[in-house]
Amino acid sequence: MLRAGVELGKFRIGAEYNFVPTSDLQNVSGQVIGEAVNEYFGFTLGFFVGGGRWRK
């Protein structure tokens, strides 16, 4: 997993990329018919509620 983010005041922005190995796709008889890529990118946005003043 690779993760990065930043906090600006009471707001938080983050991004992450998850490295997950591929999976084999099988039919009902067990024969491999392809593969699925499991890696994905995520993005988060949030803010703090309470916990101090908004300005310094």
N, C-alpha and C. Protein backbone atom coordinates (compact mmCIF):
# COMPACT_ATOMS: atom_id res chain seq x y z
N MET A 1 0.84 -1.17 0.00
CA MET A 1 0.00 0.00 0.00
C MET A 1 0.89 1.24 0.00
N LEU A 2 0.52 2.19 -0.80
CA LEU A 2 1.20 3.47 -0.87
C LEU A 2 0.17 4.53 -0.49
N ARG A 3 0.49 5.34 0.52
CA ARG A 3 -0.49 6.29 1.04
C ARG A 3 0.14 7.67 1.19
N ALA A 4 -0.64 8.71 0.87
CA ALA A 4 -0.19 10.10 1.03
C ALA A 4 -1.40 10.95 1.38
N GLY A 5 -1.15 12.03 2.11
CA GLY A 5 -2.25 12.91 2.48
C GLY A 5 -1.74 14.21 3.05
N VAL A 6 -2.68 15.10 3.28
CA VAL A 6 -2.35 16.41 3.84
C VAL A 6 -3.51 16.89 4.71
N GLU A 7 -3.18 17.62 5.77
CA GLU A 7 -4.18 18.24 6.63
C GLU A 7 -4.04 19.75 6.51
N LEU A 8 -5.14 20.42 6.22
CA LEU A 8 -5.18 21.87 6.10
C LEU A 8 -6.24 22.39 7.06
N GLY A 9 -5.81 22.94 8.18
CA GLY A 9 -6.77 23.38 9.18
C GLY A 9 -7.51 22.19 9.74
N LYS A 10 -8.83 22.18 9.59
CA LYS A 10 -9.64 21.07 10.08
C LYS A 10 -10.02 20.08 8.98
N PHE A 11 -9.43 20.23 7.80
CA PHE A 11 -9.75 19.36 6.68
C PHE A 11 -8.60 18.41 6.37
N ARG A 12 -8.94 17.23 5.89
CA ARG A 12 -7.95 16.21 5.56
C ARG A 12 -8.26 15.64 4.18
N ILE A 13 -7.22 15.54 3.35
CA ILE A 13 -7.33 14.94 2.02
C ILE A 13 -6.30 13.83 1.94
N GLY A 14 -6.71 12.66 1.46
CA GLY A 14 -5.78 11.54 1.37
C GLY A 14 -6.00 10.73 0.11
N ALA A 15 -4.94 10.05 -0.30
CA ALA A 15 -5.01 9.16 -1.46
C ALA A 15 -4.18 7.93 -1.16
N GLU A 16 -4.62 6.79 -1.64
CA GLU A 16 -3.86 5.55 -1.43
C GLU A 16 -4.00 4.63 -2.63
N TYR A 17 -2.96 3.87 -2.86
CA TYR A 17 -2.95 2.88 -3.94
C TYR A 17 -2.59 1.54 -3.32
N ASN A 18 -3.43 0.55 -3.51
CA ASN A 18 -3.23 -0.77 -2.93
C ASN A 18 -2.71 -1.75 -3.98
N PHE A 19 -1.56 -2.33 -3.69
CA PHE A 19 -0.95 -3.34 -4.56
C PHE A 19 -1.38 -4.72 -4.07
N VAL A 20 -2.28 -5.37 -4.81
CA VAL A 20 -2.79 -6.69 -4.44
C VAL A 20 -2.53 -7.61 -5.63
N PRO A 21 -2.05 -8.84 -5.40
CA PRO A 21 -1.78 -9.76 -6.52
C PRO A 21 -3.05 -10.08 -7.32
N THR A 22 -2.86 -10.45 -8.58
CA THR A 22 -3.99 -10.83 -9.42
C THR A 22 -4.56 -12.17 -8.98
N SER A 23 -5.82 -12.40 -9.32
CA SER A 23 -6.50 -13.65 -8.99
C SER A 23 -6.90 -14.37 -10.26
N ASP A 24 -6.85 -15.70 -10.25
CA ASP A 24 -7.31 -16.49 -11.39
C ASP A 24 -8.82 -16.62 -11.35
N LEU A 25 -9.46 -16.47 -12.50
CA LEU A 25 -10.90 -16.69 -12.63
C LEU A 25 -11.11 -18.10 -13.16
N GLN A 26 -11.99 -18.86 -12.51
CA GLN A 26 -12.24 -20.24 -12.89
C GLN A 26 -13.72 -20.44 -13.19
N ASN A 27 -14.00 -21.34 -14.13
CA ASN A 27 -15.39 -21.71 -14.38
C ASN A 27 -15.77 -22.82 -13.39
N VAL A 28 -16.99 -23.34 -13.50
CA VAL A 28 -17.48 -24.32 -12.53
C VAL A 28 -16.71 -25.64 -12.56
N SER A 29 -16.02 -25.94 -13.67
CA SER A 29 -15.24 -27.18 -13.74
C SER A 29 -13.80 -26.98 -13.24
N GLY A 30 -13.46 -25.76 -12.82
CA GLY A 30 -12.13 -25.50 -12.28
C GLY A 30 -11.10 -25.04 -13.29
N GLN A 31 -11.49 -24.89 -14.54
CA GLN A 31 -10.57 -24.45 -15.59
C GLN A 31 -10.35 -22.94 -15.47
N VAL A 32 -9.09 -22.52 -15.54
CA VAL A 32 -8.76 -21.09 -15.46
C VAL A 32 -9.13 -20.43 -16.79
N ILE A 33 -10.00 -19.41 -16.71
CA ILE A 33 -10.48 -18.75 -17.92
C ILE A 33 -10.03 -17.29 -18.01
N GLY A 34 -9.27 -16.83 -17.05
CA GLY A 34 -8.79 -15.45 -17.07
C GLY A 34 -8.23 -15.06 -15.72
N GLU A 35 -7.95 -13.78 -15.59
CA GLU A 35 -7.46 -13.30 -14.30
C GLU A 35 -8.07 -11.94 -14.00
N ALA A 36 -8.18 -11.64 -12.71
CA ALA A 36 -8.74 -10.37 -12.25
C ALA A 36 -7.65 -9.54 -11.62
N VAL A 37 -7.61 -8.27 -11.97
CA VAL A 37 -6.65 -7.34 -11.38
C VAL A 37 -7.29 -6.76 -10.12
N ASN A 38 -6.61 -6.88 -8.99
CA ASN A 38 -7.18 -6.48 -7.71
C ASN A 38 -6.61 -5.17 -7.17
N GLU A 39 -5.70 -4.53 -7.88
CA GLU A 39 -5.13 -3.27 -7.42
C GLU A 39 -6.17 -2.17 -7.57
N TYR A 40 -6.15 -1.21 -6.63
CA TYR A 40 -7.11 -0.12 -6.73
C TYR A 40 -6.58 1.15 -6.09
N PHE A 41 -7.16 2.28 -6.48
CA PHE A 41 -6.81 3.60 -6.00
C PHE A 41 -7.97 4.11 -5.16
N GLY A 42 -7.65 4.68 -4.01
CA GLY A 42 -8.68 5.25 -3.14
C GLY A 42 -8.41 6.71 -2.83
N PHE A 43 -9.47 7.48 -2.63
CA PHE A 43 -9.38 8.90 -2.35
C PHE A 43 -10.30 9.21 -1.17
N THR A 44 -9.80 9.95 -0.18
CA THR A 44 -10.62 10.30 0.97
C THR A 44 -10.59 11.80 1.20
N LEU A 45 -11.69 12.31 1.71
CA LEU A 45 -11.83 13.71 2.06
C LEU A 45 -12.59 13.76 3.38
N GLY A 46 -12.07 14.48 4.35
CA GLY A 46 -12.72 14.53 5.65
C GLY A 46 -12.45 15.83 6.37
N PHE A 47 -13.11 15.97 7.54
CA PHE A 47 -12.91 17.15 8.36
C PHE A 47 -13.08 16.78 9.83
N PHE A 48 -12.53 17.60 10.70
CA PHE A 48 -12.62 17.40 12.13
C PHE A 48 -13.85 18.11 12.67
N VAL A 49 -14.54 17.47 13.61
CA VAL A 49 -15.67 18.08 14.29
C VAL A 49 -15.23 18.33 15.73
N GLY A 50 -15.26 19.57 16.15
CA GLY A 50 -14.82 19.91 17.51
C GLY A 50 -13.31 19.91 17.61
N GLY A 51 -12.82 19.98 18.83
CA GLY A 51 -11.38 19.89 19.04
C GLY A 51 -10.61 21.18 18.86
N GLY A 52 -11.21 22.30 19.20
CA GLY A 52 -10.44 23.54 19.13
C GLY A 52 -11.07 24.60 18.25
N ARG A 53 -10.34 25.69 18.14
CA ARG A 53 -10.84 26.82 17.35
C ARG A 53 -10.49 26.65 15.88
N TRP A 54 -11.22 27.34 15.01
CA TRP A 54 -10.98 27.28 13.58
C TRP A 54 -9.81 28.15 13.16
N ARG A 55 -9.53 29.19 13.92
CA ARG A 55 -8.43 30.10 13.57
C ARG A 55 -7.41 30.13 14.69
N LYS A 56 -6.17 30.44 14.31
CA LYS A 56 -5.09 30.49 15.31
C LYS A 56 -4.89 31.88 15.83
